[in-house]
All heavy atoms as atom14 arrays in JSON, in Angstrom:
{
  "sequence": "ADYAKVNVYGAYLLRNYGGAQVLHDIVHNSFDDQQAVVDAVNQ",
  "atom14_mask": [
    [1, 1, 1, 1, 1, 0, 0, 0, 0, 0, 0, 0, 0, 0],
    [1, 1, 1, 1, 1, 1, 1, 1, 0, 0, 0, 0, 0, 0],
    [1, 1, 1, 1, 1, 1, 1, 1, 1, 1, 1, 1, 0, 0],
    [1, 1, 1, 1, 1, 0, 0, 0, 0, 0, 0, 0, 0, 0],
    [1, 1, 1, 1, 1, 1, 1, 1, 1, 0, 0, 0, 0, 0],
    [1, 1, 1, 1, 1, 1, 1, 0, 0, 0, 0, 0, 0, 0],
    [1, 1, 1, 1, 1, 1, 1, 1, 0, 0, 0, 0, 0, 0],
    [1, 1, 1, 1, 1, 1, 1, 0, 0, 0, 0, 0, 0, 0],
    [1, 1, 1, 1, 1, 1, 1, 1, 1, 1, 1, 1, 0, 0],
    [1, 1, 1, 1, 0, 0, 0, 0, 0, 0, 0, 0, 0, 0],
    [1, 1, 1, 1, 1, 0, 0, 0, 0, 0, 0, 0, 0, 0],
    [1, 1, 1, 1, 1, 1, 1, 1, 1, 1, 1, 1, 0, 0],
    [1, 1, 1, 1, 1, 1, 1, 1, 0, 0, 0, 0, 0, 0],
    [1, 1, 1, 1, 1, 1, 1, 1, 0, 0, 0, 0, 0, 0],
    [1, 1, 1, 1, 1, 1, 1, 1, 1, 1, 1, 0, 0, 0],
    [1, 1, 1, 1, 1, 1, 1, 1, 0, 0, 0, 0, 0, 0],
    [1, 1, 1, 1, 1, 1, 1, 1, 1, 1, 1, 1, 0, 0],
    [1, 1, 1, 1, 0, 0, 0, 0, 0, 0, 0, 0, 0, 0],
    [1, 1, 1, 1, 0, 0, 0, 0, 0, 0, 0, 0, 0, 0],
    [1, 1, 1, 1, 1, 0, 0, 0, 0, 0, 0, 0, 0, 0],
    [1, 1, 1, 1, 1, 1, 1, 1, 1, 0, 0, 0, 0, 0],
    [1, 1, 1, 1, 1, 1, 1, 0, 0, 0, 0, 0, 0, 0],
    [1, 1, 1, 1, 1, 1, 1, 1, 0, 0, 0, 0, 0, 0],
    [1, 1, 1, 1, 1, 1, 1, 1, 1, 1, 0, 0, 0, 0],
    [1, 1, 1, 1, 1, 1, 1, 1, 0, 0, 0, 0, 0, 0],
    [1, 1, 1, 1, 1, 1, 1, 1, 0, 0, 0, 0, 0, 0],
    [1, 1, 1, 1, 1, 1, 1, 0, 0, 0, 0, 0, 0, 0],
    [1, 1, 1, 1, 1, 1, 1, 1, 1, 1, 0, 0, 0, 0],
    [1, 1, 1, 1, 1, 1, 1, 1, 0, 0, 0, 0, 0, 0],
    [1, 1, 1, 1, 1, 1, 0, 0, 0, 0, 0, 0, 0, 0],
    [1, 1, 1, 1, 1, 1, 1, 1, 1, 1, 1, 0, 0, 0],
    [1, 1, 1, 1, 1, 1, 1, 1, 0, 0, 0, 0, 0, 0],
    [1, 1, 1, 1, 1, 1, 1, 1, 0, 0, 0, 0, 0, 0],
    [1, 1, 1, 1, 1, 1, 1, 1, 1, 0, 0, 0, 0, 0],
    [1, 1, 1, 1, 1, 1, 1, 1, 1, 0, 0, 0, 0, 0],
    [1, 1, 1, 1, 1, 0, 0, 0, 0, 0, 0, 0, 0, 0],
    [1, 1, 1, 1, 1, 1, 1, 0, 0, 0, 0, 0, 0, 0],
    [1, 1, 1, 1, 1, 1, 1, 0, 0, 0, 0, 0, 0, 0],
    [1, 1, 1, 1, 1, 1, 1, 1, 0, 0, 0, 0, 0, 0],
    [1, 1, 1, 1, 1, 0, 0, 0, 0, 0, 0, 0, 0, 0],
    [1, 1, 1, 1, 1, 1, 1, 0, 0, 0, 0, 0, 0, 0],
    [1, 1, 1, 1, 1, 1, 1, 1, 0, 0, 0, 0, 0, 0],
    [1, 1, 1, 1, 1, 1, 1, 1, 1, 0, 0, 0, 0, 0]
  ],
  "atom14_positions": [
    [[0.82, -1.2, -0.01], [-0.02, -0.02, 0.05], [0.86, 1.24, 0.0], [0.45, 2.31, -0.51], [-0.93, -0.01, 1.21], [0.0, 0.0, 0.0], [0.0, 0.0, 0.0], [0.0, 0.0, 0.0], [0.0, 0.0, 0.0], [0.0, 0.0, 0.0], [0.0, 0.0, 0.0], [0.0, 0.0, 0.0], [0.0, 0.0, 0.0], [0.0, 0.0, 0.0]],
    [[2.06, 1.18, 0.57], [2.95, 2.34, 0.57], [3.53, 2.63, -0.82], [3.67, 3.74, -1.21], [4.09, 2.09, 1.55], [3.63, 1.95, 2.99], [2.77, 2.73, 3.41], [4.12, 0.99, 3.66], [0.0, 0.0, 0.0], [0.0, 0.0, 0.0], [0.0, 0.0, 0.0], [0.0, 0.0, 0.0], [0.0, 0.0, 0.0], [0.0, 0.0, 0.0]],
    [[3.84, 1.56, -1.58], [4.24, 1.77, -2.93], [3.12, 2.48, -3.73], [3.39, 3.35, -4.51], [4.57, 0.43, -3.6], [5.87, -0.19, -3.26], [5.99, -1.28, -2.39], [7.05, 0.39, -3.71], [7.21, -1.78, -2.05], [8.29, -0.16, -3.41], [8.33, -1.24, -2.53], [9.59, -1.74, -2.2], [0.0, 0.0, 0.0], [0.0, 0.0, 0.0]],
    [[1.86, 2.03, -3.46], [0.77, 2.63, -4.22], [0.6, 4.13, -3.9], [0.39, 4.95, -4.77], [-0.51, 1.88, -3.92], [0.0, 0.0, 0.0], [0.0, 0.0, 0.0], [0.0, 0.0, 0.0], [0.0, 0.0, 0.0], [0.0, 0.0, 0.0], [0.0, 0.0, 0.0], [0.0, 0.0, 0.0], [0.0, 0.0, 0.0], [0.0, 0.0, 0.0]],
    [[0.64, 4.48, -2.59], [0.46, 5.91, -2.26], [1.53, 6.81, -2.78], [1.23, 7.86, -3.3], [0.32, 6.05, -0.71], [1.61, 5.94, 0.02], [1.51, 5.87, 1.58], [2.87, 5.81, 2.19], [2.8, 5.56, 3.65], [0.0, 0.0, 0.0], [0.0, 0.0, 0.0], [0.0, 0.0, 0.0], [0.0, 0.0, 0.0], [0.0, 0.0, 0.0]],
    [[2.79, 6.34, -2.79], [3.87, 7.2, -3.27], [3.87, 7.24, -4.81], [4.29, 8.26, -5.35], [5.28, 6.81, -2.71], [5.32, 6.91, -1.18], [5.67, 5.44, -3.17], [0.0, 0.0, 0.0], [0.0, 0.0, 0.0], [0.0, 0.0, 0.0], [0.0, 0.0, 0.0], [0.0, 0.0, 0.0], [0.0, 0.0, 0.0], [0.0, 0.0, 0.0]],
    [[3.39, 6.16, -5.39], [3.24, 6.2, -6.8], [2.29, 7.28, -7.26], [2.54, 8.09, -8.12], [2.74, 4.82, -7.31], [2.47, 4.75, -8.81], [1.6, 5.43, -9.33], [3.19, 3.87, -9.48], [0.0, 0.0, 0.0], [0.0, 0.0, 0.0], [0.0, 0.0, 0.0], [0.0, 0.0, 0.0], [0.0, 0.0, 0.0], [0.0, 0.0, 0.0]],
    [[1.08, 7.33, -6.58], [0.13, 8.34, -6.99], [0.55, 9.74, -6.59], [0.27, 10.68, -7.31], [-1.26, 7.96, -6.28], [-2.36, 9.02, -6.57], [-1.75, 6.55, -6.79], [0.0, 0.0, 0.0], [0.0, 0.0, 0.0], [0.0, 0.0, 0.0], [0.0, 0.0, 0.0], [0.0, 0.0, 0.0], [0.0, 0.0, 0.0], [0.0, 0.0, 0.0]],
    [[1.22, 9.91, -5.48], [1.73, 11.23, -5.11], [2.78, 11.71, -6.08], [2.78, 12.85, -6.53], [2.3, 11.17, -3.67], [2.81, 12.54, -3.16], [1.84, 13.49, -2.79], [4.14, 12.83, -3.06], [2.26, 14.73, -2.33], [4.61, 14.09, -2.6], [3.65, 15.02, -2.23], [4.08, 16.22, -1.79], [0.0, 0.0, 0.0], [0.0, 0.0, 0.0]],
    [[3.69, 10.78, -6.46], [4.65, 11.16, -7.47], [4.07, 11.49, -8.77], [4.54, 12.42, -9.48], [0.0, 0.0, 0.0], [0.0, 0.0, 0.0], [0.0, 0.0, 0.0], [0.0, 0.0, 0.0], [0.0, 0.0, 0.0], [0.0, 0.0, 0.0], [0.0, 0.0, 0.0], [0.0, 0.0, 0.0], [0.0, 0.0, 0.0], [0.0, 0.0, 0.0]],
    [[3.02, 10.84, -9.17], [2.34, 11.15, -10.41], [1.75, 12.57, -10.38], [1.72, 13.3, -11.38], [1.2, 10.12, -10.67], [0.0, 0.0, 0.0], [0.0, 0.0, 0.0], [0.0, 0.0, 0.0], [0.0, 0.0, 0.0], [0.0, 0.0, 0.0], [0.0, 0.0, 0.0], [0.0, 0.0, 0.0], [0.0, 0.0, 0.0], [0.0, 0.0, 0.0]],
    [[1.26, 12.93, -9.19], [0.76, 14.34, -9.02], [1.88, 15.37, -9.13], [1.74, 16.36, -9.86], [0.08, 14.43, -7.61], [0.18, 15.76, -6.93], [-0.65, 16.83, -7.37], [0.99, 15.95, -5.8], [-0.54, 18.06, -6.74], [1.02, 17.17, -5.22], [0.28, 18.22, -5.64], [0.3, 19.42, -5.0], [0.0, 0.0, 0.0], [0.0, 0.0, 0.0]],
    [[3.02, 15.1, -8.53], [4.15, 16.01, -8.69], [4.64, 16.08, -10.14], [4.9, 17.19, -10.64], [5.31, 15.53, -7.77], [5.14, 15.59, -6.3], [6.39, 15.05, -5.58], [4.81, 17.02, -5.81], [0.0, 0.0, 0.0], [0.0, 0.0, 0.0], [0.0, 0.0, 0.0], [0.0, 0.0, 0.0], [0.0, 0.0, 0.0], [0.0, 0.0, 0.0]],
    [[4.73, 14.94, -10.79], [5.17, 14.92, -12.18], [4.31, 15.78, -13.08], [4.81, 16.56, -13.93], [5.18, 13.51, -12.74], [6.39, 12.6, -12.51], [6.15, 11.18, -12.94], [7.61, 13.12, -13.15], [0.0, 0.0, 0.0], [0.0, 0.0, 0.0], [0.0, 0.0, 0.0], [0.0, 0.0, 0.0], [0.0, 0.0, 0.0], [0.0, 0.0, 0.0]],
    [[2.98, 15.68, -12.88], [2.02, 16.33, -13.82], [1.78, 17.77, -13.46], [1.07, 18.43, -14.24], [0.75, 15.48, -13.9], [0.95, 14.17, -14.64], [-0.07, 13.11, -14.26], [0.09, 11.86, -15.02], [1.06, 10.94, -14.76], [1.88, 11.16, -13.75], [1.17, 9.87, -15.49], [0.0, 0.0, 0.0], [0.0, 0.0, 0.0], [0.0, 0.0, 0.0]],
    [[2.22, 18.21, -12.32], [1.92, 19.61, -11.91], [3.13, 20.44, -11.64], [3.02, 21.67, -11.68], [1.08, 19.58, -10.66], [-0.32, 19.06, -10.91], [-1.22, 19.84, -11.38], [-0.59, 17.79, -10.64], [0.0, 0.0, 0.0], [0.0, 0.0, 0.0], [0.0, 0.0, 0.0], [0.0, 0.0, 0.0], [0.0, 0.0, 0.0], [0.0, 0.0, 0.0]],
    [[4.32, 19.83, -11.47], [5.5, 20.63, -11.05], [6.76, 20.34, -11.87], [7.84, 20.39, -11.35], [5.73, 20.43, -9.55], [4.69, 21.09, -8.73], [3.75, 20.33, -8.02], [4.6, 22.47, -8.69], [2.74, 20.94, -7.28], [3.59, 23.07, -7.93], [2.7, 22.34, -7.23], [1.66, 22.9, -6.54], [0.0, 0.0, 0.0], [0.0, 0.0, 0.0]],
    [[6.59, 20.13, -13.15], [7.76, 20.18, -14.05], [8.23, 18.86, -14.59], [9.32, 18.77, -15.16], [0.0, 0.0, 0.0], [0.0, 0.0, 0.0], [0.0, 0.0, 0.0], [0.0, 0.0, 0.0], [0.0, 0.0, 0.0], [0.0, 0.0, 0.0], [0.0, 0.0, 0.0], [0.0, 0.0, 0.0], [0.0, 0.0, 0.0], [0.0, 0.0, 0.0]],
    [[7.51, 17.75, -14.41], [7.91, 16.47, -15.01], [9.26, 16.0, -14.52], [9.52, 15.99, -13.3], [0.0, 0.0, 0.0], [0.0, 0.0, 0.0], [0.0, 0.0, 0.0], [0.0, 0.0, 0.0], [0.0, 0.0, 0.0], [0.0, 0.0, 0.0], [0.0, 0.0, 0.0], [0.0, 0.0, 0.0], [0.0, 0.0, 0.0], [0.0, 0.0, 0.0]],
    [[10.12, 15.64, -15.47], [11.44, 15.08, -15.12], [12.25, 16.05, -14.25], [13.06, 15.6, -13.48], [12.18, 14.68, -16.44], [0.0, 0.0, 0.0], [0.0, 0.0, 0.0], [0.0, 0.0, 0.0], [0.0, 0.0, 0.0], [0.0, 0.0, 0.0], [0.0, 0.0, 0.0], [0.0, 0.0, 0.0], [0.0, 0.0, 0.0], [0.0, 0.0, 0.0]],
    [[12.05, 17.32, -14.5], [12.86, 18.34, -13.75], [12.67, 18.17, -12.22], [13.67, 18.26, -11.49], [12.5, 19.74, -14.21], [13.28, 20.84, -13.52], [14.74, 20.89, -14.0], [14.95, 21.13, -15.2], [15.69, 20.73, -13.13], [0.0, 0.0, 0.0], [0.0, 0.0, 0.0], [0.0, 0.0, 0.0], [0.0, 0.0, 0.0], [0.0, 0.0, 0.0]],
    [[11.47, 17.94, -11.76], [11.21, 17.92, -10.37], [11.85, 16.6, -9.81], [12.39, 16.61, -8.68], [9.69, 17.95, -10.0], [8.97, 16.7, -10.32], [9.54, 18.36, -8.53], [0.0, 0.0, 0.0], [0.0, 0.0, 0.0], [0.0, 0.0, 0.0], [0.0, 0.0, 0.0], [0.0, 0.0, 0.0], [0.0, 0.0, 0.0], [0.0, 0.0, 0.0]],
    [[11.84, 15.53, -10.53], [12.57, 14.34, -10.06], [14.04, 14.57, -9.97], [14.66, 14.23, -8.96], [12.28, 13.18, -11.03], [10.86, 12.79, -11.33], [10.82, 11.55, -12.3], [10.09, 12.51, -10.06], [0.0, 0.0, 0.0], [0.0, 0.0, 0.0], [0.0, 0.0, 0.0], [0.0, 0.0, 0.0], [0.0, 0.0, 0.0], [0.0, 0.0, 0.0]],
    [[14.61, 15.2, -10.95], [16.08, 15.52, -10.95], [16.37, 16.38, -9.74], [17.33, 16.14, -9.01], [16.41, 16.27, -12.21], [17.78, 16.91, -12.17], [18.07, 18.14, -11.62], [18.94, 16.42, -12.67], [19.3, 18.41, -11.76], [19.95, 17.46, -12.35], [0.0, 0.0, 0.0], [0.0, 0.0, 0.0], [0.0, 0.0, 0.0], [0.0, 0.0, 0.0]],
    [[15.54, 17.4, -9.5], [15.86, 18.31, -8.45], [15.71, 17.71, -7.05], [16.39, 18.17, -6.07], [14.99, 19.63, -8.55], [15.32, 20.44, -9.74], [16.41, 20.19, -10.35], [14.51, 21.35, -10.14], [0.0, 0.0, 0.0], [0.0, 0.0, 0.0], [0.0, 0.0, 0.0], [0.0, 0.0, 0.0], [0.0, 0.0, 0.0], [0.0, 0.0, 0.0]],
    [[14.82, 16.74, -6.87], [14.7, 16.09, -5.55], [16.03, 15.31, -5.25], [16.48, 15.35, -4.1], [13.5, 15.15, -5.54], [12.2, 15.96, -5.56], [13.53, 14.23, -4.29], [10.95, 15.07, -5.8], [0.0, 0.0, 0.0], [0.0, 0.0, 0.0], [0.0, 0.0, 0.0], [0.0, 0.0, 0.0], [0.0, 0.0, 0.0], [0.0, 0.0, 0.0]],
    [[16.59, 14.71, -6.25], [17.77, 13.97, -6.05], [19.0, 14.92, -5.89], [19.85, 14.66, -5.02], [18.04, 12.97, -7.21], [19.44, 12.39, -7.13], [17.0, 11.89, -7.22], [0.0, 0.0, 0.0], [0.0, 0.0, 0.0], [0.0, 0.0, 0.0], [0.0, 0.0, 0.0], [0.0, 0.0, 0.0], [0.0, 0.0, 0.0], [0.0, 0.0, 0.0]],
    [[18.96, 16.0, -6.6], [20.2, 16.85, -6.65], [20.08, 17.99, -5.63], [20.59, 19.08, -5.88], [20.4, 17.43, -8.01], [20.91, 16.4, -8.97], [22.2, 16.4, -9.47], [20.33, 15.31, -9.51], [22.38, 15.38, -10.26], [21.24, 14.67, -10.32], [0.0, 0.0, 0.0], [0.0, 0.0, 0.0], [0.0, 0.0, 0.0], [0.0, 0.0, 0.0]],
    [[19.47, 17.76, -4.44], [19.65, 18.62, -3.31], [20.14, 17.8, -2.1], [20.22, 16.62, -2.17], [18.33, 19.45, -3.01], [17.17, 18.58, -2.61], [17.33, 17.61, -1.78], [15.99, 18.91, -3.12], [0.0, 0.0, 0.0], [0.0, 0.0, 0.0], [0.0, 0.0, 0.0], [0.0, 0.0, 0.0], [0.0, 0.0, 0.0], [0.0, 0.0, 0.0]],
    [[20.43, 18.52, -1.02], [21.04, 17.78, 0.12], [20.09, 17.43, 1.22], [20.49, 17.03, 2.31], [22.18, 18.7, 0.69], [21.69, 19.93, 1.11], [0.0, 0.0, 0.0], [0.0, 0.0, 0.0], [0.0, 0.0, 0.0], [0.0, 0.0, 0.0], [0.0, 0.0, 0.0], [0.0, 0.0, 0.0], [0.0, 0.0, 0.0], [0.0, 0.0, 0.0]],
    [[18.79, 17.59, 0.97], [17.78, 17.24, 2.01], [17.39, 15.77, 1.91], [17.33, 15.17, 0.81], [16.52, 18.08, 1.78], [16.76, 19.57, 1.94], [16.76, 20.38, 0.78], [17.06, 20.2, 3.12], [17.07, 21.74, 0.86], [17.29, 21.53, 3.22], [17.29, 22.32, 2.13], [0.0, 0.0, 0.0], [0.0, 0.0, 0.0], [0.0, 0.0, 0.0]],
    [[17.16, 15.14, 3.02], [16.82, 13.74, 3.07], [15.37, 13.49, 3.48], [14.96, 12.32, 3.62], [17.77, 12.95, 3.98], [17.78, 13.46, 5.41], [16.89, 14.31, 5.79], [18.63, 13.02, 6.22], [0.0, 0.0, 0.0], [0.0, 0.0, 0.0], [0.0, 0.0, 0.0], [0.0, 0.0, 0.0], [0.0, 0.0, 0.0], [0.0, 0.0, 0.0]],
    [[14.62, 14.49, 3.74], [13.25, 14.32, 4.24], [12.28, 15.12, 3.32], [12.62, 15.41, 2.14], [13.07, 14.78, 5.7], [13.5, 16.27, 5.91], [13.76, 16.97, 4.89], [13.6, 16.67, 7.08], [0.0, 0.0, 0.0], [0.0, 0.0, 0.0], [0.0, 0.0, 0.0], [0.0, 0.0, 0.0], [0.0, 0.0, 0.0], [0.0, 0.0, 0.0]],
    [[11.07, 15.41, 3.79], [10.09, 16.08, 2.98], [10.55, 17.37, 2.33], [10.1, 17.84, 1.34], [8.81, 16.34, 3.79], [8.99, 17.3, 4.9], [7.89, 17.28, 5.88], [7.37, 16.24, 6.29], [7.43, 18.46, 6.32], [0.0, 0.0, 0.0], [0.0, 0.0, 0.0], [0.0, 0.0, 0.0], [0.0, 0.0, 0.0], [0.0, 0.0, 0.0]],
    [[11.59, 18.03, 3.02], [12.1, 19.28, 2.46], [12.76, 19.08, 1.14], [12.84, 19.98, 0.33], [13.12, 19.88, 3.49], [13.55, 21.28, 3.11], [12.43, 22.25, 3.01], [11.46, 22.24, 3.8], [12.53, 23.19, 2.02], [0.0, 0.0, 0.0], [0.0, 0.0, 0.0], [0.0, 0.0, 0.0], [0.0, 0.0, 0.0], [0.0, 0.0, 0.0]],
    [[13.26, 17.82, 0.84], [13.79, 17.56, -0.5], [12.74, 17.82, -1.57], [13.01, 18.32, -2.61], [14.29, 16.14, -0.54], [0.0, 0.0, 0.0], [0.0, 0.0, 0.0], [0.0, 0.0, 0.0], [0.0, 0.0, 0.0], [0.0, 0.0, 0.0], [0.0, 0.0, 0.0], [0.0, 0.0, 0.0], [0.0, 0.0, 0.0], [0.0, 0.0, 0.0]],
    [[11.48, 17.34, -1.26], [10.43, 17.56, -2.21], [10.0, 19.03, -2.3], [9.87, 19.59, -3.39], [9.19, 16.7, -1.82], [7.96, 17.02, -2.74], [9.54, 15.21, -1.85], [0.0, 0.0, 0.0], [0.0, 0.0, 0.0], [0.0, 0.0, 0.0], [0.0, 0.0, 0.0], [0.0, 0.0, 0.0], [0.0, 0.0, 0.0], [0.0, 0.0, 0.0]],
    [[9.88, 19.67, -1.15], [9.48, 21.09, -1.14], [10.51, 21.92, -1.84], [10.13, 22.81, -2.68], [9.28, 21.58, 0.32], [9.03, 23.05, 0.39], [8.13, 20.79, 1.01], [0.0, 0.0, 0.0], [0.0, 0.0, 0.0], [0.0, 0.0, 0.0], [0.0, 0.0, 0.0], [0.0, 0.0, 0.0], [0.0, 0.0, 0.0], [0.0, 0.0, 0.0]],
    [[11.78, 21.7, -1.6], [12.84, 22.49, -2.24], [12.77, 22.32, -3.73], [12.92, 23.3, -4.51], [14.19, 22.09, -1.7], [15.37, 22.9, -2.28], [15.55, 23.98, -1.83], [16.03, 22.38, -3.16], [0.0, 0.0, 0.0], [0.0, 0.0, 0.0], [0.0, 0.0, 0.0], [0.0, 0.0, 0.0], [0.0, 0.0, 0.0], [0.0, 0.0, 0.0]],
    [[12.55, 21.06, -4.22], [12.52, 20.82, -5.66], [11.3, 21.51, -6.27], [11.4, 22.13, -7.38], [12.49, 19.31, -5.91], [0.0, 0.0, 0.0], [0.0, 0.0, 0.0], [0.0, 0.0, 0.0], [0.0, 0.0, 0.0], [0.0, 0.0, 0.0], [0.0, 0.0, 0.0], [0.0, 0.0, 0.0], [0.0, 0.0, 0.0], [0.0, 0.0, 0.0]],
    [[10.15, 21.41, -5.64], [8.96, 22.06, -6.12], [9.15, 23.55, -6.16], [8.71, 24.26, -7.16], [7.72, 21.72, -5.31], [6.56, 22.57, -5.62], [7.37, 20.19, -5.49], [0.0, 0.0, 0.0], [0.0, 0.0, 0.0], [0.0, 0.0, 0.0], [0.0, 0.0, 0.0], [0.0, 0.0, 0.0], [0.0, 0.0, 0.0], [0.0, 0.0, 0.0]],
    [[9.82, 24.1, -5.19], [10.05, 25.58, -5.13], [10.92, 26.07, -6.28], [10.96, 27.28, -6.55], [10.7, 25.96, -3.74], [9.71, 25.88, -2.59], [10.1, 25.9, -1.46], [8.41, 25.78, -2.87], [0.0, 0.0, 0.0], [0.0, 0.0, 0.0], [0.0, 0.0, 0.0], [0.0, 0.0, 0.0], [0.0, 0.0, 0.0], [0.0, 0.0, 0.0]],
    [[11.72, 25.14, -6.84], [12.54, 25.55, -7.97], [11.78, 25.8, -9.25], [12.27, 26.5, -10.14], [13.63, 24.47, -8.27], [14.48, 24.11, -7.08], [15.24, 25.29, -6.51], [15.83, 26.06, -7.23], [15.14, 25.41, -5.19], [0.0, 0.0, 0.0], [0.0, 0.0, 0.0], [0.0, 0.0, 0.0], [0.0, 0.0, 0.0], [0.0, 0.0, 0.0]]
  ]
}
């Protein structure tokens, strides 16, 4: 069920906040928690 929820949340980020760019930016920052997502979205 955890795979399912993060799949659907990731699909929301992909389709609303820049597609591949937001995935790249989550990996290429130094945060290890939810701030990694927030920082990438803020870019």
